[in-house]
Amino acid sequence: MAGRYIAIEGPIGVGKTTLAGRLAQSLSASVLAEAPDENPFLGDFYDNPAGHALSVQLFFLLQRARQIDALRQTDLFEVGCVADFMFAKDPLFARLTLSNDELALYEDIYARLAWQAPSPDCVIYLDAPVDILMQRIAQRARTAERSLTSDYLARVVAAYRHFFAEYTAAPLLRVDANRLDLVGSDADYQSVLAALERPVRQQSLPTTA
């Protein structure tokens, strides 16, 4: 794991942070975690997306840029790092929520920050159906997510699937987080660990015959 940078991605409620923590413990690596609760605009965005999309998106962009900058200035890469987000996915949400003028402003700022972001050595993409994600979001009962709708989440899921259908920047492990229980089943979790040991450009779990 020394020197490796693993990024975990997927839609809201799919289990990124939980898996990142477990993998970091197994691999004796450091964790770099997103902090959505620190975004003061997130709850307002779910209540009124059009009125708060730009503020919530810029906050996340700058927050992630600061995290990546801190990562570059420490020895996290010497022991390895597992992150529950990937900087390159940030525009995915911007394109879903911003107007044309807002998107142009966002993309200008993103371009000035993105060059600093290192590419992951491996990306784990967690996918699950919208109904399962809504159940998990309801169970964790975060105040900021109280107004999140299934329609918005469906758009997020579709955007993620499109993004990773064309992703070639790093080795990619696709995980069906509905069919694999990465919290309750040690066998399912061990299958992810085993897949990380195989340097394959594209993998999927569970495997099909």
Protein backbone atom coordinates (compact mmCIF):
# COMPACT_ATOMS: atom_id res chain seq x y z
CA MET A 1 0.00 0.00 0.00
CA ALA A 2 2.95 2.34 0.58
CA GLY A 3 2.69 5.24 -1.82
CA ARG A 4 -0.68 4.18 -3.27
CA TYR A 5 -3.63 6.53 -3.54
CA ILE A 6 -7.04 4.83 -3.70
CA ALA A 7 -10.15 6.93 -4.33
CA ILE A 8 -13.69 5.69 -3.65
CA GLU A 9 -16.56 7.25 -5.57
CA GLY A 10 -20.29 6.84 -6.04
CA PRO A 11 -23.60 8.59 -5.40
CA ILE A 12 -24.89 9.94 -2.12
CA GLY A 13 -25.54 7.24 0.48
CA VAL A 14 -23.72 4.41 -1.31
CA GLY A 15 -21.20 3.80 1.49
CA LYS A 16 -18.02 5.57 0.37
CA THR A 17 -16.91 6.83 3.77
CA THR A 18 -17.58 3.53 5.53
CA LEU A 19 -15.56 1.59 2.98
CA ALA A 20 -12.74 4.15 3.03
CA GLY A 21 -12.36 3.78 6.78
CA ARG A 22 -12.37 0.00 6.64
CA LEU A 23 -9.89 -0.17 3.76
CA ALA A 24 -7.54 2.30 5.43
CA GLN A 25 -7.52 0.14 8.56
CA SER A 26 -6.89 -3.05 6.59
CA LEU A 27 -4.12 -1.47 4.51
CA SER A 28 -2.54 0.60 7.32
CA ALA A 29 -3.18 3.69 5.24
CA SER A 30 -4.38 7.20 6.00
CA VAL A 31 -7.93 8.38 5.31
CA LEU A 32 -8.83 11.52 3.37
CA ALA A 33 -12.54 12.09 3.93
CA GLU A 34 -15.03 14.47 2.43
CA ALA A 35 -16.78 16.64 5.00
CA PRO A 36 -20.27 17.45 3.64
CA ASP A 37 -21.50 18.50 7.08
CA GLU A 38 -19.11 21.47 6.92
CA ASN A 39 -20.88 22.92 3.89
CA PRO A 40 -23.24 25.58 5.30
CA PHE A 41 -25.18 25.79 2.01
CA LEU A 42 -26.01 22.11 1.56
CA GLY A 43 -29.31 22.00 3.45
CA ASP A 44 -30.52 25.15 1.70
CA PHE A 45 -29.52 23.64 -1.65
CA TYR A 46 -31.73 20.58 -1.13
CA ASP A 47 -34.60 22.91 -0.14
CA ASN A 48 -34.04 25.32 -3.07
CA PRO A 49 -31.53 23.96 -5.62
CA ALA A 50 -31.72 26.87 -8.07
CA GLY A 51 -31.07 29.46 -5.38
CA HIS A 52 -28.07 27.79 -3.76
CA ALA A 53 -26.44 25.59 -6.41
CA LEU A 54 -23.49 27.88 -7.09
CA SER A 55 -22.65 28.54 -3.44
CA VAL A 56 -22.81 24.87 -2.47
CA GLN A 57 -20.73 23.84 -5.49
CA LEU A 58 -18.02 26.44 -4.97
CA PHE A 59 -17.75 25.58 -1.29
CA PHE A 60 -17.21 21.90 -2.12
CA LEU A 61 -14.72 22.75 -4.87
CA LEU A 62 -12.59 24.92 -2.60
CA GLN A 63 -12.90 22.47 0.28
CA ARG A 64 -11.63 19.61 -1.89
CA ALA A 65 -8.84 21.78 -3.28
CA ARG A 66 -7.67 22.54 0.27
CA GLN A 67 -7.77 18.84 1.15
CA ILE A 68 -5.77 17.88 -1.92
CA ASP A 69 -3.27 20.66 -1.20
CA ALA A 70 -2.84 19.38 2.36
CA LEU A 71 -2.37 15.88 0.97
CA ARG A 72 0.43 17.04 -1.32
CA GLN A 73 2.25 18.73 1.56
CA THR A 74 2.24 15.75 3.94
CA ASP A 75 3.69 12.25 3.93
CA LEU A 76 0.30 10.58 3.41
CA PHE A 77 1.51 9.08 0.15
CA GLU A 78 4.43 7.43 1.96
CA VAL A 79 2.04 5.21 3.91
CA GLY A 80 -0.74 5.22 1.34
CA CYS A 81 -4.04 7.06 1.30
CA VAL A 82 -7.69 6.06 0.88
CA ALA A 83 -10.03 8.93 -0.03
CA ASP A 84 -13.84 8.84 -0.10
CA PHE A 85 -13.92 11.29 -3.01
CA MET A 86 -12.08 12.08 -6.23
CA PHE A 87 -11.37 15.66 -7.27
CA ALA A 88 -12.04 14.91 -10.94
CA LYS A 89 -15.69 14.09 -10.27
CA ASP A 90 -16.51 17.54 -8.91
CA PRO A 91 -17.75 18.92 -12.26
CA LEU A 92 -20.29 16.08 -12.41
CA PHE A 93 -22.48 17.82 -9.82
CA ALA A 94 -21.84 21.27 -11.28
CA ARG A 95 -23.21 20.22 -14.65
CA LEU A 96 -26.34 18.86 -12.99
CA THR A 97 -27.18 21.95 -10.97
CA LEU A 98 -25.67 25.16 -12.39
CA SER A 99 -27.03 27.53 -15.01
CA ASN A 100 -24.91 28.21 -18.10
CA ASP A 101 -23.38 31.40 -16.70
CA GLU A 102 -22.75 29.81 -13.31
CA LEU A 103 -21.19 26.77 -14.95
CA ALA A 104 -18.82 28.95 -16.96
CA LEU A 105 -17.66 30.66 -13.77
CA TYR A 106 -17.31 27.33 -11.97
CA GLU A 107 -15.32 25.74 -14.81
CA ASP A 108 -12.89 28.66 -14.89
CA ILE A 109 -12.18 28.26 -11.17
CA TYR A 110 -12.02 24.46 -11.47
CA ALA A 111 -9.46 24.66 -14.30
CA ARG A 112 -7.20 26.84 -12.14
CA LEU A 113 -7.30 24.29 -9.30
CA ALA A 114 -7.47 20.92 -11.04
CA TRP A 115 -3.84 20.82 -12.23
CA GLN A 116 -2.71 20.41 -8.62
CA ALA A 117 -4.77 17.26 -7.99
CA PRO A 118 -2.86 13.97 -8.21
CA SER A 119 -4.47 11.08 -10.09
CA PRO A 120 -5.47 8.03 -8.04
CA ASP A 121 -3.60 4.76 -8.52
CA CYS A 122 -6.98 3.02 -8.36
CA VAL A 123 -10.62 4.13 -8.24
CA ILE A 124 -13.39 2.10 -6.60
CA TYR A 125 -16.80 3.02 -7.99
CA LEU A 126 -19.74 1.98 -5.80
CA ASP A 127 -23.13 1.79 -7.52
CA ALA A 128 -26.61 1.05 -6.16
CA PRO A 129 -30.25 1.63 -7.21
CA VAL A 130 -32.00 4.85 -6.22
CA ASP A 131 -34.49 3.16 -3.89
CA ILE A 132 -31.70 1.51 -1.90
CA LEU A 133 -29.82 4.80 -1.66
CA MET A 134 -32.92 6.63 -0.44
CA GLN A 135 -33.39 4.00 2.28
CA ARG A 136 -29.81 4.42 3.44
CA ILE A 137 -30.06 8.21 3.40
CA ALA A 138 -33.23 8.02 5.50
CA GLN A 139 -31.55 5.68 7.98
CA ARG A 140 -28.58 7.96 8.60
CA ALA A 141 -30.96 10.92 9.05
CA ARG A 142 -28.62 13.80 8.32
CA THR A 143 -30.32 17.15 8.79
CA ALA A 144 -28.88 18.62 5.58
CA GLU A 145 -30.31 15.74 3.52
CA ARG A 146 -33.87 15.95 4.82
CA SER A 147 -35.14 17.54 1.57
CA LEU A 148 -33.13 15.42 -0.88
CA THR A 149 -35.51 13.98 -3.47
CA SER A 150 -35.44 10.70 -5.35
CA ASP A 151 -35.66 12.62 -8.65
CA TYR A 152 -32.46 14.52 -7.91
CA LEU A 153 -30.75 11.35 -6.70
CA ALA A 154 -31.76 9.54 -9.90
CA ARG A 155 -30.02 12.27 -11.90
CA VAL A 156 -26.91 11.89 -9.74
CA VAL A 157 -26.87 8.10 -10.20
CA ALA A 158 -27.26 8.46 -13.97
CA ALA A 159 -24.45 11.04 -14.11
CA TYR A 160 -22.12 8.76 -12.17
CA ARG A 161 -22.86 5.83 -14.46
CA HIS A 162 -22.17 7.95 -17.53
CA PHE A 163 -18.97 9.34 -16.02
CA PHE A 164 -17.53 5.93 -15.18
CA ALA A 165 -18.69 4.33 -18.42
CA GLU A 166 -16.10 6.52 -20.12
CA TYR A 167 -13.47 6.68 -17.33
CA THR A 168 -9.95 5.59 -18.34
CA ALA A 169 -7.66 7.81 -16.25
CA ALA A 170 -6.85 5.08 -13.68
CA PRO A 171 -7.58 1.40 -12.99
CA LEU A 172 -11.26 1.13 -12.09
CA LEU A 173 -13.01 -1.36 -9.82
CA ARG A 174 -16.80 -1.29 -10.23
CA VAL A 175 -18.70 -2.61 -7.22
CA ASP A 176 -22.42 -3.37 -7.12
CA ALA A 177 -23.06 -2.11 -3.58
CA ASN A 178 -26.57 -3.53 -3.67
CA ARG A 179 -25.43 -7.11 -4.29
CA LEU A 180 -22.31 -6.93 -2.11
CA ASP A 181 -22.59 -6.11 1.60
CA LEU A 182 -19.28 -4.43 2.37
CA VAL A 183 -20.25 -3.82 6.00
CA GLY A 184 -21.97 -7.00 7.12
CA SER A 185 -20.24 -9.64 4.97
CA ASP A 186 -16.56 -10.25 5.49
CA ALA A 187 -16.45 -12.44 2.36
CA ASP A 188 -17.79 -9.56 0.23
CA TYR A 189 -15.30 -7.15 1.76
CA GLN A 190 -12.42 -9.58 1.21
CA SER A 191 -13.37 -9.79 -2.47
CA VAL A 192 -12.70 -6.05 -2.75
CA LEU A 193 -9.34 -6.41 -1.02
CA ALA A 194 -8.41 -9.25 -3.37
CA ALA A 195 -9.40 -7.21 -6.42
CA LEU A 196 -7.12 -4.37 -5.32
CA GLU A 197 -4.17 -6.75 -5.51
CA ARG A 198 -4.80 -7.41 -9.21
CA PRO A 199 -3.45 -4.63 -11.46
CA VAL A 200 -6.27 -4.79 -14.02
CA ARG A 201 -7.50 -1.74 -15.92
CA GLN A 202 -11.22 -2.57 -15.49
CA GLN A 203 -12.80 -4.96 -12.96
CA SER A 204 -16.34 -5.55 -11.72
CA LEU A 205 -17.66 -7.11 -8.51
CA PRO A 206 -19.46 -9.37 -8.17
CA THR A 207 -17.98 -11.12 -11.17
CA THR A 208 -20.24 -12.72 -13.73
CA ALA A 209 -19.75 -16.15 -15.27
